[in-house]
C-alpha cells in the first residue's frame, strides 16, 4: 500500500505541473509557438546539460562499465516489440500508409518529455542514469529503424543520401551528444570546474518543468473530437502499456539486472508515445494526426497506469 501511495504522490507532482501548464495555455500565456520554444530549449540546451551533470554525478567509470550490459535489454525489448507491432499492423490490415508509424508508436516510448520527469518523481534522482541508458537505446532505434519505417509508409524508394545522412545527423542530436560527452568525462576522469558544473546544473534543472509544460500545451491544443477507439488505437495501447514492458520483465529473467535498473527500464518502456512520431510523420507526409491523438491519450493514461506498475515491480 505504501508503494502505491508513494507512486501516486510521484504521479501527482507531474499532474500538478501539467494542470498549471494547461491553465496557462487556456489563459493565453502559452501557445503552440511557446511549445516549440520549450521543445528547442529542452532538446538543444537543458537536456544535454542535464545528462552531463547527472552522468558525472551518479556514475563512476566502474559503474558505467558494469551498467553497460543493461543496454542489451532496452535494445532487444524495443526491437522485438517493433517486429510484433509491425506484424500486428499487417494481421489487422492497418492502412499501409500507417504501418511503420504504428510499429514505432507500439514499441518506442517518450523517454524524455514524460519518461525523465516520471522516473525522477517515482525513483528520485538516483534513477536518472538508468533513464538515460534506456533513452540511449530508444533514441538510437527511433532515428534508424523507427524513422525508416515512417518513410517507407509514404515512399516507394528511398535514396541512400536521404536516409543515411539524415539518420546520422538525427541520431547524433544534442541530447545524445550530451550523453556521449558525459561518458567521455567519466572515462577520462576529467572534472568540470565547479562554477561551470553549477551553471550546467541550474540550466539542466529546467528540463522537467519545461518538458511537462510542453506536453500540457499539446494536450490543450488537441481536438478531443478526433479521438476514435479503433483497432489501431487499441494496438498502440497494447504495445505501450503491456507488450513492451512485459518484454523487459521477461528478458530480465535471462539477463539479470540490478533491481533499480530493471524497475526503471520497466517504467520507461511503459511511457507514452514519442512526441517525435508526430513531427517526423508530418515532415515525410505521413498520417501525423494519428500520433498527435495517441501522444495525448497515452500521456493521460500513463498517469493513471504508473501507480499500478510501481506496485507490480515491487512484488515481482
Protein backbone atom coordinates (compact mmCIF):
# COMPACT_ATOMS: atom_id res chain seq x y z
CA UNK A 1 0.00 0.00 0.00
CA UNK A 2 2.85 2.39 0.84
CA UNK A 3 4.37 1.74 -2.61
CA UNK A 4 1.07 2.59 -4.28
CA UNK A 5 0.69 5.80 -2.25
CA UNK A 6 4.29 6.78 -2.97
CA UNK A 7 3.70 6.23 -6.68
CA UNK A 8 0.50 8.27 -6.50
CA UNK A 9 2.45 11.13 -4.91
CA UNK A 10 5.07 10.98 -7.64
CA UNK A 11 2.41 11.00 -10.34
CA UNK A 12 0.54 13.86 -8.64
CA UNK A 13 3.69 16.01 -8.84
CA UNK A 14 3.55 15.60 -12.60
CA UNK A 15 -0.22 16.10 -12.75
CA UNK A 16 0.02 19.41 -10.86
CA UNK A 17 2.62 20.78 -13.29
CA UNK A 18 0.52 19.58 -16.25
CA UNK A 19 -2.57 21.30 -14.79
CA UNK A 20 -0.62 24.55 -14.31
CA UNK A 21 0.63 24.36 -17.89
CA UNK A 22 -2.87 23.59 -19.19
CA UNK A 23 -4.34 26.53 -17.23
CA UNK A 24 -1.67 28.93 -18.53
CA UNK A 25 -2.37 27.68 -22.07
CA UNK A 26 -6.07 28.36 -21.57
CA UNK A 27 -5.25 31.84 -20.26
CA UNK A 28 -3.28 32.52 -23.42
CA UNK A 29 0.15 32.69 -21.77
CA UNK A 30 1.30 29.58 -23.68
CA UNK A 31 0.57 28.82 -27.31
CA UNK A 32 1.95 26.45 -29.94
CA UNK A 33 4.90 28.79 -30.53
CA UNK A 34 5.70 28.58 -26.82
CA UNK A 35 5.60 24.80 -27.10
CA UNK A 36 8.09 24.94 -29.98
CA UNK A 37 10.35 27.19 -27.90
CA UNK A 38 10.19 24.86 -24.88
CA UNK A 39 10.96 21.86 -27.10
CA UNK A 40 14.01 23.63 -28.58
CA UNK A 41 15.25 24.68 -25.13
CA UNK A 42 14.89 21.15 -23.75
CA UNK A 43 16.33 19.23 -26.69
CA UNK A 44 19.15 21.63 -27.54
CA UNK A 45 20.15 23.09 -24.19
CA UNK A 46 18.76 21.91 -20.86
CA UNK A 47 18.59 18.17 -21.59
CA UNK A 48 22.17 17.79 -22.92
CA UNK A 49 23.49 19.69 -19.89
CA UNK A 50 21.23 17.68 -17.58
CA UNK A 51 22.71 14.48 -18.99
CA UNK A 52 26.29 15.66 -18.47
CA UNK A 53 25.55 16.69 -14.88
CA UNK A 54 23.65 13.53 -13.93
CA UNK A 55 26.07 11.11 -15.57
CA UNK A 56 29.12 12.65 -13.93
CA UNK A 57 27.28 12.87 -10.60
CA UNK A 58 25.87 9.34 -10.39
CA UNK A 59 28.34 7.29 -12.43
CA UNK A 60 31.95 6.36 -11.90
CA UNK A 61 33.98 4.55 -14.53
CA UNK A 62 33.44 1.14 -12.91
CA UNK A 63 29.70 1.79 -12.53
CA UNK A 64 29.37 2.72 -16.18
CA UNK A 65 31.18 -0.40 -17.36
CA UNK A 66 29.01 -2.53 -15.08
CA UNK A 67 25.81 -0.85 -16.27
CA UNK A 68 26.64 -1.07 -19.98
CA UNK A 69 25.36 -4.65 -20.18
CA UNK A 70 21.97 -3.28 -19.16
CA UNK A 71 21.66 -1.72 -22.63
CA UNK A 72 21.05 -5.19 -24.04
CA UNK A 73 17.55 -5.35 -22.55
CA UNK A 74 16.26 -1.99 -23.88
CA UNK A 75 17.67 -2.70 -27.34
CA UNK A 76 16.26 -6.23 -27.51
CA UNK A 77 12.87 -5.39 -25.98
CA UNK A 78 12.30 -2.43 -28.33
CA UNK A 79 13.39 -4.28 -31.48
CA UNK A 80 11.27 -7.35 -30.65
CA UNK A 81 8.33 -5.08 -29.80
CA UNK A 82 8.74 -3.25 -33.12
CA UNK A 83 8.61 -6.55 -35.02
CA UNK A 84 5.48 -7.58 -33.09
CA UNK A 85 3.85 -4.20 -33.73
CA UNK A 86 4.56 -4.29 -37.46
CA UNK A 87 3.19 -7.81 -37.77
CA UNK A 88 0.06 -6.84 -35.85
CA UNK A 89 -0.39 -3.96 -38.30
CA UNK A 90 -0.25 -6.49 -41.15
CA UNK A 91 -2.55 -9.01 -39.44
CA UNK A 92 -5.21 -6.41 -38.60
CA UNK A 93 -4.88 -4.76 -42.01
CA UNK A 94 -3.75 -1.35 -40.83
CA UNK A 95 -3.67 1.25 -43.60
CA UNK A 96 -0.39 0.78 -45.49
CA UNK A 97 0.43 4.47 -45.02
CA UNK A 98 0.44 3.95 -41.24
CA UNK A 99 2.14 0.60 -40.62
CA UNK A 100 5.68 1.78 -39.90
CA UNK A 101 4.28 4.63 -37.83
CA UNK A 102 2.11 2.24 -35.83
CA UNK A 103 5.04 -0.13 -35.19
CA UNK A 104 7.14 2.80 -33.96
CA UNK A 105 4.43 4.03 -31.58
CA UNK A 106 3.85 0.44 -30.42
CA UNK A 107 7.48 -0.12 -29.40
CA UNK A 108 9.16 3.24 -28.71
CA UNK A 109 8.42 5.46 -25.72
CA UNK A 110 8.53 9.10 -24.75
CA UNK A 111 11.68 8.62 -22.73
CA UNK A 112 12.46 12.31 -22.24
CA UNK A 113 9.46 14.66 -22.12
CA UNK A 114 7.49 12.32 -19.83
CA UNK A 115 9.92 9.47 -19.08
CA UNK A 116 12.61 11.54 -17.38
CA UNK A 117 10.32 13.56 -15.06
CA UNK A 118 8.24 10.45 -14.32
CA UNK A 119 11.34 8.42 -13.46
CA UNK A 120 12.69 11.16 -11.22
CA UNK A 121 9.32 11.58 -9.50
CA UNK A 122 8.91 7.84 -8.84
CA UNK A 123 12.50 6.82 -8.01
CA UNK A 124 14.38 10.05 -7.31
CA UNK A 125 17.48 11.50 -8.98
CA UNK A 126 19.35 8.22 -8.43
CA UNK A 127 17.33 6.70 -11.28
CA UNK A 128 18.44 9.31 -13.84
CA UNK A 129 21.49 7.38 -15.17
CA UNK A 130 19.35 4.30 -15.85
CA UNK A 131 16.75 6.51 -17.51
CA UNK A 132 19.50 7.84 -19.76
CA UNK A 133 20.62 4.31 -20.64
CA UNK A 134 17.10 3.48 -21.78
CA UNK A 135 16.97 6.76 -23.67
CA UNK A 136 20.20 5.84 -25.47
CA UNK A 137 18.65 2.64 -26.85
CA UNK A 138 15.29 4.27 -27.50
CA UNK A 139 16.64 7.25 -29.46
CA UNK A 140 19.10 5.14 -31.49
CA UNK A 141 16.37 2.76 -32.65
CA UNK A 142 13.93 5.62 -33.25
CA UNK A 143 16.21 7.60 -35.56
CA UNK A 144 17.17 4.48 -37.51
CA UNK A 145 14.51 1.77 -37.68
CA UNK A 146 11.64 3.98 -36.48
CA UNK A 147 12.15 6.83 -38.93
CA UNK A 148 12.92 4.41 -41.76
CA UNK A 149 9.56 2.70 -41.16
CA UNK A 150 7.70 6.03 -41.35
CA UNK A 151 9.49 6.93 -44.59
CA UNK A 152 8.54 3.54 -46.05
CA UNK A 153 4.89 4.32 -45.28
CA UNK A 154 4.87 7.14 -47.81
CA UNK A 155 7.72 6.47 -50.24
CA UNK A 156 8.26 3.54 -52.56
CA UNK A 157 12.03 4.06 -52.79
CA UNK A 158 14.44 5.88 -50.52
CA UNK A 159 17.70 7.33 -51.76
CA UNK A 160 20.73 6.42 -49.70
CA UNK A 161 21.62 10.08 -49.27
CA UNK A 162 18.23 10.91 -47.75
CA UNK A 163 18.28 8.03 -45.32
CA UNK A 164 21.88 7.69 -44.23
CA UNK A 165 22.89 11.36 -43.94
CA UNK A 166 19.60 12.43 -42.36
CA UNK A 167 19.63 9.47 -39.97
CA UNK A 168 23.24 10.10 -38.96
CA UNK A 169 22.50 13.74 -38.16
CA UNK A 170 19.38 12.88 -36.17
CA UNK A 171 20.98 10.07 -34.15
CA UNK A 172 23.78 12.40 -33.08
CA UNK A 173 21.34 15.00 -31.75
CA UNK A 174 22.25 17.33 -28.82
CA UNK A 175 20.82 15.05 -26.07
CA UNK A 176 22.73 12.06 -27.44
CA UNK A 177 25.88 14.16 -27.74
CA UNK A 178 25.37 15.27 -24.13
CA UNK A 179 25.24 11.61 -23.17
CA UNK A 180 28.47 10.88 -25.06
CA UNK A 181 30.25 13.89 -23.52
CA UNK A 182 29.22 12.69 -20.06
CA UNK A 183 30.58 9.21 -20.80
CA UNK A 184 33.87 10.67 -22.12
CA UNK A 185 34.26 12.80 -18.98
CA UNK A 186 33.72 9.74 -16.79
CA UNK A 187 36.21 7.52 -18.64
CA UNK A 188 38.83 10.25 -18.86
CA UNK A 189 38.42 11.18 -15.17
CA UNK A 190 38.09 14.83 -16.16
CA UNK A 191 36.32 17.15 -13.71
CA UNK A 192 34.21 20.11 -14.76
CA UNK A 193 35.15 23.30 -12.84
CA UNK A 194 32.60 23.85 -10.03
CA UNK A 195 31.26 27.16 -11.34
CA UNK A 196 30.65 25.64 -14.80
CA UNK A 197 29.16 22.48 -13.28
CA UNK A 198 26.74 24.51 -11.14
CA UNK A 199 25.70 26.58 -14.16
CA UNK A 200 25.07 23.37 -16.14
CA UNK A 201 23.04 22.02 -13.24
CA UNK A 202 20.84 25.11 -12.97
CA UNK A 203 20.05 25.06 -16.68
CA UNK A 204 19.63 21.27 -16.66
CA UNK A 205 17.03 21.54 -13.89
CA UNK A 206 14.75 23.29 -16.40
CA UNK A 207 14.30 20.01 -18.28
CA UNK A 208 11.48 18.53 -16.21
CA UNK A 209 9.19 21.59 -15.86
CA UNK A 210 9.69 22.69 -19.48
CA UNK A 211 9.04 19.15 -20.73
CA UNK A 212 5.79 18.93 -18.77
CA UNK A 213 4.69 22.41 -19.86
CA UNK A 214 5.32 21.30 -23.45
CA UNK A 215 3.07 18.28 -23.02
CA UNK A 216 0.35 20.36 -21.32
CA UNK A 217 0.31 22.81 -24.26
CA UNK A 218 -0.02 19.92 -26.73
CA UNK A 219 -2.89 18.47 -24.68
CA UNK A 220 -4.65 21.85 -24.65
CA UNK A 221 -4.18 22.28 -28.40
CA UNK A 222 -5.56 18.80 -29.08
CA UNK A 223 -9.03 18.42 -30.59
CA UNK A 224 -10.58 15.67 -28.47
CA UNK A 225 -13.25 15.04 -31.13
CA UNK A 226 -10.60 13.39 -33.28
CA UNK A 227 -10.14 10.52 -30.84
CA UNK A 228 -11.59 7.22 -32.04
CA UNK A 229 -11.22 3.93 -30.22
CA UNK A 230 -10.41 1.89 -33.33
CA UNK A 231 -8.21 -1.19 -33.81
CA UNK A 232 -5.04 0.87 -34.39
CA UNK A 233 -5.63 2.75 -31.15
CA UNK A 234 -6.06 -0.50 -29.21
CA UNK A 235 -2.93 -1.97 -30.82
CA UNK A 236 -0.94 1.11 -29.77
CA UNK A 237 -2.26 0.95 -26.20
CA UNK A 238 -1.34 -2.74 -26.07
CA UNK A 239 2.21 -2.12 -27.20
CA UNK A 240 2.84 0.88 -24.94
CA UNK A 241 1.35 -0.47 -21.73
CA UNK A 242 1.55 -4.28 -21.99
CA UNK A 243 3.80 -5.83 -24.64
CA UNK A 244 6.96 -3.69 -24.35
CA UNK A 245 7.07 -3.62 -20.51
CA UNK A 246 6.34 -7.36 -20.45
CA UNK A 247 9.29 -7.99 -22.78
CA UNK A 248 11.58 -6.10 -20.37
CA UNK A 249 10.38 -8.25 -17.47
CA UNK A 250 10.80 -11.49 -19.45
CA UNK A 251 14.27 -10.58 -20.74
CA UNK A 252 15.36 -9.73 -17.20
CA UNK A 253 14.97 -13.41 -16.26
CA UNK A 254 17.58 -14.30 -18.88
CA UNK A 255 19.77 -11.20 -18.41
CA UNK A 256 19.58 -10.32 -14.69
CA UNK A 257 19.94 -6.65 -13.84
CA UNK A 258 20.14 -4.71 -10.56
CA UNK A 259 16.60 -4.21 -9.28
CA UNK A 260 16.54 -0.43 -9.63
CA UNK A 261 17.82 -0.61 -13.20
CA UNK A 262 15.18 -3.19 -14.10
CA UNK A 263 12.42 -1.18 -12.43
CA UNK A 264 13.41 1.99 -14.27
CA UNK A 265 13.51 0.10 -17.58
CA UNK A 266 10.02 -1.31 -16.98
CA UNK A 267 8.59 2.12 -16.22
CA UNK A 268 10.40 3.71 -19.16
CA UNK A 269 9.14 1.04 -21.52
CA UNK A 270 5.55 1.86 -20.48
CA UNK A 271 5.81 5.58 -21.20
CA UNK A 272 3.53 7.31 -23.73
CA UNK A 273 4.01 7.55 -27.49
CA UNK A 274 7.05 9.55 -28.64
CA UNK A 275 6.42 13.22 -29.35
CA UNK A 276 8.76 12.96 -32.35
CA UNK A 277 6.43 10.46 -34.04
CA UNK A 278 4.03 13.27 -34.96
CA UNK A 279 6.82 15.64 -36.04
CA UNK A 280 8.62 13.11 -38.25
CA UNK A 281 5.37 11.81 -39.71
CA UNK A 282 4.41 15.34 -40.74
CA UNK A 283 7.84 16.01 -42.27
CA UNK A 284 7.59 12.93 -44.51
CA UNK A 285 3.93 13.41 -45.44
CA UNK A 286 2.53 10.67 -43.21
CA UNK A 287 -0.62 10.45 -41.11
CA UNK A 288 0.58 12.90 -38.43
CA UNK A 289 -2.85 13.46 -36.83
CA UNK A 290 -2.96 9.87 -35.55
CA UNK A 291 0.25 10.16 -33.47
CA UNK A 292 -0.93 13.52 -32.10
CA UNK A 293 -4.06 11.78 -30.80
CA UNK A 294 -2.06 8.88 -29.39
CA UNK A 295 0.52 11.15 -27.74
CA UNK A 296 -2.28 12.91 -25.88
CA UNK A 297 -4.18 9.86 -24.76
CA UNK A 298 -1.24 7.64 -23.87
CA UNK A 299 0.13 10.55 -21.82
CA UNK A 300 -3.14 10.84 -19.90
CA UNK A 301 -3.40 7.05 -19.48
CA UNK A 302 0.20 6.71 -18.28
CA UNK A 303 -0.56 8.99 -15.33
CA UNK A 304 -3.27 6.52 -14.25
CA UNK A 305 -1.33 3.35 -15.03
CA UNK A 306 2.04 4.18 -13.44
CA UNK A 307 0.99 3.61 -9.78
CA UNK A 308 -0.15 0.10 -10.69
CA UNK A 309 3.16 -0.59 -12.43
CA UNK A 310 5.01 0.60 -9.33
CA UNK A 311 3.12 -1.96 -7.26
CA UNK A 312 3.79 -4.67 -9.86
CA UNK A 313 7.56 -4.15 -9.96
CA UNK A 314 7.61 -4.15 -6.16
CA UNK A 315 6.20 -7.70 -5.97
CA UNK A 316 7.97 -9.37 -8.93
